[in-house]
Amino acid sequence: MRNGARKNARGASGAVDVALYTTVSVDAVISDHPEVDWEQLRAVEKGRHSPLAPLRPEPAPA
């Protein structure tokens, strides 16, 4: 399976596309981003604002 592959799923409001990722690619996010406080992130309760929200992606190289 390639990262980001799509799978159709059935949600409460109908069919939705869900991105699928391998466990290896998800685990790599943690080591690729040591600046993130992962324990704080995991403790965010449902409906609360994510501490990642103010982060902006770096611009793509030209």
PDB file of N, CA and C in Angstrom:
ATOM      1  N   MET A   1       0.835  -1.171   0.000  1.00  0.00           N
ATOM      2  CA  MET A   1       0.000   0.000   0.000  1.00  0.00           C
ATOM      3  C   MET A   1       0.882   1.236   0.000  1.00  0.00           C
ATOM      4  N   ARG A   2       0.589   2.168  -0.856  1.00  0.00           N
ATOM      5  CA  ARG A   2       1.366   3.400  -0.862  1.00  0.00           C
ATOM      6  C   ARG A   2       0.744   4.389   0.111  1.00  0.00           C
ATOM      7  N   ASN A   3       1.584   5.242   0.675  1.00  0.00           N
ATOM      8  CA  ASN A   3       1.112   6.224   1.639  1.00  0.00           C
ATOM      9  C   ASN A   3       0.119   7.171   1.002  1.00  0.00           C
ATOM     10  N   GLY A   4      -0.953   7.462   1.729  1.00  0.00           N
ATOM     11  CA  GLY A   4      -1.946   8.393   1.240  1.00  0.00           C
ATOM     12  C   GLY A   4      -2.945   7.775   0.288  1.00  0.00           C
ATOM     13  N   ALA A   5      -2.880   6.452   0.096  1.00  0.00           N
ATOM     14  CA  ALA A   5      -3.858   5.795  -0.753  1.00  0.00           C
ATOM     15  C   ALA A   5      -5.244   6.070  -0.196  1.00  0.00           C
ATOM     16  N   ARG A   6      -6.234   6.079  -1.032  1.00  0.00           N
ATOM     17  CA  ARG A   6      -7.593   6.393  -0.597  1.00  0.00           C
ATOM     18  C   ARG A   6      -8.433   5.132  -0.509  1.00  0.00           C
ATOM     19  N   LYS A   7      -9.310   5.114   0.454  1.00  0.00           N
ATOM     20  CA  LYS A   7     -10.262   4.028   0.596  1.00  0.00           C
ATOM     21  C   LYS A   7     -11.619   4.648   0.875  1.00  0.00           C
ATOM     22  N   ASN A   8     -12.644   4.141   0.229  1.00  0.00           N
ATOM     23  CA  ASN A   8     -13.992   4.625   0.489  1.00  0.00           C
ATOM     24  C   ASN A   8     -14.477   4.037   1.796  1.00  0.00           C
ATOM     25  N   ALA A   9     -15.093   4.847   2.615  1.00  0.00           N
ATOM     26  CA  ALA A   9     -15.666   4.402   3.879  1.00  0.00           C
ATOM     27  C   ALA A   9     -17.056   4.992   3.985  1.00  0.00           C
ATOM     28  N   ARG A  10     -17.851   4.441   4.852  1.00  0.00           N
ATOM     29  CA  ARG A  10     -19.206   4.931   5.037  1.00  0.00           C
ATOM     30  C   ARG A  10     -19.281   5.656   6.366  1.00  0.00           C
ATOM     31  N   GLY A  11     -19.565   6.953   6.303  1.00  0.00           N
ATOM     32  CA  GLY A  11     -19.710   7.761   7.509  1.00  0.00           C
ATOM     33  C   GLY A  11     -21.184   8.034   7.771  1.00  0.00           C
ATOM     34  N   ALA A  12     -21.468   8.754   8.828  1.00  0.00           N
ATOM     35  CA  ALA A  12     -22.850   9.062   9.196  1.00  0.00           C
ATOM     36  C   ALA A  12     -23.553   9.854   8.105  1.00  0.00           C
ATOM     37  N   SER A  13     -22.798  10.670   7.368  1.00  0.00           N
ATOM     38  CA  SER A  13     -23.416  11.486   6.322  1.00  0.00           C
ATOM     39  C   SER A  13     -23.234  10.892   4.929  1.00  0.00           C
ATOM     40  N   GLY A  14     -22.771   9.667   4.837  1.00  0.00           N
ATOM     41  CA  GLY A  14     -22.607   9.023   3.544  1.00  0.00           C
ATOM     42  C   GLY A  14     -21.177   8.582   3.319  1.00  0.00           C
ATOM     43  N   ALA A  15     -20.834   8.325   2.047  1.00  0.00           N
ATOM     44  CA  ALA A  15     -19.497   7.833   1.702  1.00  0.00           C
ATOM     45  C   ALA A  15     -18.471   8.949   1.831  1.00  0.00           C
ATOM     46  N   VAL A  16     -17.315   8.602   2.375  1.00  0.00           N
ATOM     47  CA  VAL A  16     -16.206   9.549   2.510  1.00  0.00           C
ATOM     48  C   VAL A  16     -14.922   8.869   2.070  1.00  0.00           C
ATOM     49  N   ASP A  17     -13.956   9.648   1.610  1.00  0.00           N
ATOM     50  CA  ASP A  17     -12.632   9.124   1.285  1.00  0.00           C
ATOM     51  C   ASP A  17     -11.749   9.250   2.514  1.00  0.00           C
ATOM     52  N   VAL A  18     -11.005   8.201   2.816  1.00  0.00           N
ATOM     53  CA  VAL A  18     -10.126   8.181   3.980  1.00  0.00           C
ATOM     54  C   VAL A  18      -8.713   7.877   3.496  1.00  0.00           C
ATOM     55  N   ALA A  19      -7.741   8.718   3.876  1.00  0.00           N
ATOM     56  CA  ALA A  19      -6.353   8.467   3.498  1.00  0.00           C
ATOM     57  C   ALA A  19      -5.805   7.324   4.348  1.00  0.00           C
ATOM     58  N   LEU A  20      -5.086   6.400   3.717  1.00  0.00           N
ATOM     59  CA  LEU A  20      -4.486   5.272   4.416  1.00  0.00           C
ATOM     60  C   LEU A  20      -2.974   5.422   4.432  1.00  0.00           C
ATOM     61  N   TYR A  21      -2.361   5.177   5.567  1.00  0.00           N
ATOM     62  CA  TYR A  21      -0.918   5.293   5.714  1.00  0.00           C
ATOM     63  C   TYR A  21      -0.376   4.036   6.386  1.00  0.00           C
ATOM     64  N   THR A  22       0.837   3.670   6.067  1.00  0.00           N
ATOM     65  CA  THR A  22       1.457   2.524   6.715  1.00  0.00           C
ATOM     66  C   THR A  22       1.892   2.906   8.124  1.00  0.00           C
ATOM     67  N   THR A  23       2.019   1.917   8.990  1.00  0.00           N
ATOM     68  CA  THR A  23       2.474   2.163  10.354  1.00  0.00           C
ATOM     69  C   THR A  23       3.866   2.776  10.347  1.00  0.00           C
ATOM     70  N   VAL A  24       4.721   2.325   9.456  1.00  0.00           N
ATOM     71  CA  VAL A  24       6.089   2.848   9.366  1.00  0.00           C
ATOM     72  C   VAL A  24       6.070   4.334   9.044  1.00  0.00           C
ATOM     73  N   SER A  25       5.225   4.753   8.109  1.00  0.00           N
ATOM     74  CA  SER A  25       5.194   6.173   7.749  1.00  0.00           C
ATOM     75  C   SER A  25       4.637   7.024   8.880  1.00  0.00           C
ATOM     76  N   VAL A  26       3.669   6.504   9.622  1.00  0.00           N
ATOM     77  CA  VAL A  26       3.123   7.248  10.761  1.00  0.00           C
ATOM     78  C   VAL A  26       4.167   7.346  11.869  1.00  0.00           C
ATOM     79  N   ASP A  27       4.862   6.248  12.162  1.00  0.00           N
ATOM     80  CA  ASP A  27       5.911   6.256  13.186  1.00  0.00           C
ATOM     81  C   ASP A  27       7.035   7.223  12.823  1.00  0.00           C
ATOM     82  N   ALA A  28       7.322   7.387  11.543  1.00  0.00           N
ATOM     83  CA  ALA A  28       8.401   8.271  11.100  1.00  0.00           C
ATOM     84  C   ALA A  28       8.086   9.739  11.400  1.00  0.00           C
ATOM     85  N   VAL A  29       6.818  10.081  11.474  1.00  0.00           N
ATOM     86  CA  VAL A  29       6.442  11.475  11.756  1.00  0.00           C
ATOM     87  C   VAL A  29       7.021  11.911  13.098  1.00  0.00           C
ATOM     88  N   ILE A  30       6.991  11.035  14.086  1.00  0.00           N
ATOM     89  CA  ILE A  30       7.488  11.371  15.417  1.00  0.00           C
ATOM     90  C   ILE A  30       8.976  11.693  15.382  1.00  0.00           C
ATOM     91  N   SER A  31       9.764  10.846  14.760  1.00  0.00           N
ATOM     92  CA  SER A  31      11.208  11.097  14.715  1.00  0.00           C
ATOM     93  C   SER A  31      11.559  12.250  13.777  1.00  0.00           C
ATOM     94  N   ASP A  32      10.725  12.513  12.790  1.00  0.00           N
ATOM     95  CA  ASP A  32      10.983  13.609  11.852  1.00  0.00           C
ATOM     96  C   ASP A  32      10.652  14.980  12.444  1.00  0.00           C
ATOM     97  N   HIS A  33       9.927  15.010  13.564  1.00  0.00           N
ATOM     98  CA  HIS A  33       9.498  16.281  14.151  1.00  0.00           C
ATOM     99  C   HIS A  33       9.754  16.310  15.654  1.00  0.00           C
ATOM    100  N   PRO A  34      11.043  16.400  16.042  1.00  0.00           N
ATOM    101  CA  PRO A  34      11.368  16.436  17.469  1.00  0.00           C
ATOM    102  C   PRO A  34      10.906  17.723  18.156  1.00  0.00           C
ATOM    103  N   GLU A  35      10.555  18.758  17.390  1.00  0.00           N
ATOM    104  CA  GLU A  35      10.104  20.018  17.963  1.00  0.00           C
ATOM    105  C   GLU A  35       8.686  19.925  18.545  1.00  0.00           C
ATOM    106  N   VAL A  36       7.986  18.850  18.239  1.00  0.00           N
ATOM    107  CA  VAL A  36       6.612  18.689  18.711  1.00  0.00           C
ATOM    108  C   VAL A  36       6.608  17.961  20.056  1.00  0.00           C
ATOM    109  N   ASP A  37       5.840  18.481  21.009  1.00  0.00           N
ATOM    110  CA  ASP A  37       5.644  17.821  22.293  1.00  0.00           C
ATOM    111  C   ASP A  37       4.534  16.780  22.102  1.00  0.00           C
ATOM    112  N   TRP A  38       4.924  15.555  21.777  1.00  0.00           N
ATOM    113  CA  TRP A  38       3.959  14.514  21.416  1.00  0.00           C
ATOM    114  C   TRP A  38       3.068  14.120  22.590  1.00  0.00           C
ATOM    115  N   GLU A  39       3.594  14.152  23.806  1.00  0.00           N
ATOM    116  CA  GLU A  39       2.766  13.831  24.969  1.00  0.00           C
ATOM    117  C   GLU A  39       1.657  14.869  25.137  1.00  0.00           C
ATOM    118  N   GLN A  40       2.009  16.152  24.963  1.00  0.00           N
ATOM    119  CA  GLN A  40       1.001  17.208  25.050  1.00  0.00           C
ATOM    120  C   GLN A  40      -0.035  17.027  23.942  1.00  0.00           C
ATOM    121  N   LEU A  41       0.423  16.697  22.766  1.00  0.00           N
ATOM    122  CA  LEU A  41      -0.475  16.516  21.631  1.00  0.00           C
ATOM    123  C   LEU A  41      -1.437  15.356  21.875  1.00  0.00           C
ATOM    124  N   ARG A  42      -0.926  14.259  22.402  1.00  0.00           N
ATOM    125  CA  ARG A  42      -1.783  13.100  22.675  1.00  0.00           C
ATOM    126  C   ARG A  42      -2.808  13.386  23.768  1.00  0.00           C
ATOM    127  N   ALA A  43      -2.524  14.350  24.632  1.00  0.00           N
ATOM    128  CA  ALA A  43      -3.422  14.662  25.746  1.00  0.00           C
ATOM    129  C   ALA A  43      -4.559  15.611  25.368  1.00  0.00           C
ATOM    130  N   VAL A  44      -4.556  16.123  24.150  1.00  0.00           N
ATOM    131  CA  VAL A  44      -5.611  17.043  23.722  1.00  0.00           C
ATOM    132  C   VAL A  44      -6.941  16.284  23.674  1.00  0.00           C
ATOM    133  N   GLU A  45      -7.920  16.836  24.346  1.00  0.00           N
ATOM    134  CA  GLU A  45      -9.225  16.185  24.404  1.00  0.00           C
ATOM    135  C   GLU A  45     -10.040  16.480  23.148  1.00  0.00           C
ATOM    136  N   LYS A  46     -10.970  15.600  22.865  1.00  0.00           N
ATOM    137  CA  LYS A  46     -11.854  15.748  21.716  1.00  0.00           C
ATOM    138  C   LYS A  46     -12.528  17.115  21.748  1.00  0.00           C
ATOM    139  N   GLY A  47     -12.521  17.784  20.608  1.00  0.00           N
ATOM    140  CA  GLY A  47     -13.158  19.086  20.498  1.00  0.00           C
ATOM    141  C   GLY A  47     -12.289  20.262  20.913  1.00  0.00           C
ATOM    142  N   ARG A  48     -11.086  19.990  21.428  1.00  0.00           N
ATOM    143  CA  ARG A  48     -10.176  21.051  21.850  1.00  0.00           C
ATOM    144  C   ARG A  48      -9.280  21.457  20.685  1.00  0.00           C
ATOM    145  N   HIS A  49      -8.755  22.667  20.740  1.00  0.00           N
ATOM    146  CA  HIS A  49      -7.884  23.188  19.694  1.00  0.00           C
ATOM    147  C   HIS A  49      -6.527  22.489  19.746  1.00  0.00           C
ATOM    148  N   SER A  50      -6.035  22.035  18.615  1.00  0.00           N
ATOM    149  CA  SER A  50      -4.745  21.347  18.548  1.00  0.00           C
ATOM    150  C   SER A  50      -3.591  22.320  18.737  1.00  0.00           C
ATOM    151  N   PRO A  51      -2.567  21.924  19.526  1.00  0.00           N
ATOM    152  CA  PRO A  51      -1.395  22.780  19.661  1.00  0.00           C
ATOM    153  C   PRO A  51      -0.590  22.871  18.356  1.00  0.00           C
ATOM    154  N   LEU A  52      -0.910  22.043  17.386  1.00  0.00           N
ATOM    155  CA  LEU A  52      -0.228  22.108  16.088  1.00  0.00           C
ATOM    156  C   LEU A  52      -0.833  23.173  15.173  1.00  0.00           C
ATOM    157  N   ALA A  53      -2.009  23.660  15.513  1.00  0.00           N
ATOM    158  CA  ALA A  53      -2.706  24.604  14.638  1.00  0.00           C
ATOM    159  C   ALA A  53      -1.886  25.830  14.264  1.00  0.00           C
ATOM    160  N   PRO A  54      -1.109  26.432  15.188  1.00  0.00           N
ATOM    161  CA  PRO A  54      -0.358  27.626  14.794  1.00  0.00           C
ATOM    162  C   PRO A  54       0.864  27.340  13.917  1.00  0.00           C
ATOM    163  N   LEU A  55       1.254  26.080  13.803  1.00  0.00           N
ATOM    164  CA  LEU A  55       2.429  25.760  12.983  1.00  0.00           C
ATOM    165  C   LEU A  55       2.087  25.905  11.512  1.00  0.00           C
ATOM    166  N   ARG A  56       2.986  26.432  10.781  1.00  0.00           N
ATOM    167  CA  ARG A  56       2.807  26.598   9.339  1.00  0.00           C
ATOM    168  C   ARG A  56       3.793  25.688   8.620  1.00  0.00           C
ATOM    169  N   PRO A  57       3.363  25.041   7.541  1.00  0.00           N
ATOM    170  CA  PRO A  57       4.309  24.228   6.778  1.00  0.00           C
ATOM    171  C   PRO A  57       5.384  25.098   6.145  1.00  0.00           C
ATOM    172  N   GLU A  58       6.563  24.552   6.030  1.00  0.00           N
ATOM    173  CA  GLU A  58       7.643  25.286   5.380  1.00  0.00           C
ATOM    174  C   GLU A  58       7.343  25.384   3.892  1.00  0.00           C
ATOM    175  N   PRO A  59       7.673  26.513   3.276  1.00  0.00           N
ATOM    176  CA  PRO A  59       7.430  26.644   1.830  1.00  0.00           C
ATOM    177  C   PRO A  59       8.260  25.620   1.057  1.00  0.00           C
ATOM    178  N   ALA A  60       7.687  25.145  -0.008  1.00  0.00           N
ATOM    179  CA  ALA A  60       8.401  24.183  -0.858  1.00  0.00           C
ATOM    180  C   ALA A  60       9.579  24.873  -1.537  1.00  0.00           C
ATOM    181  N   PRO A  61      10.705  24.169  -1.659  1.00  0.00           N
ATOM    182  CA  PRO A  61      11.865  24.777  -2.348  1.00  0.00           C
ATOM    183  C   PRO A  61      11.511  25.103  -3.802  1.00  0.00           C
ATOM    184  N   ALA A  62      12.027  26.206  -4.279  1.00  0.00           N
ATOM    185  CA  ALA A  62      11.726  26.655  -5.656  1.00  0.00           C
ATOM    186  C   ALA A  62      12.551  25.904  -6.666  1.00  0.00           C
TER     187      ALA A  62
END
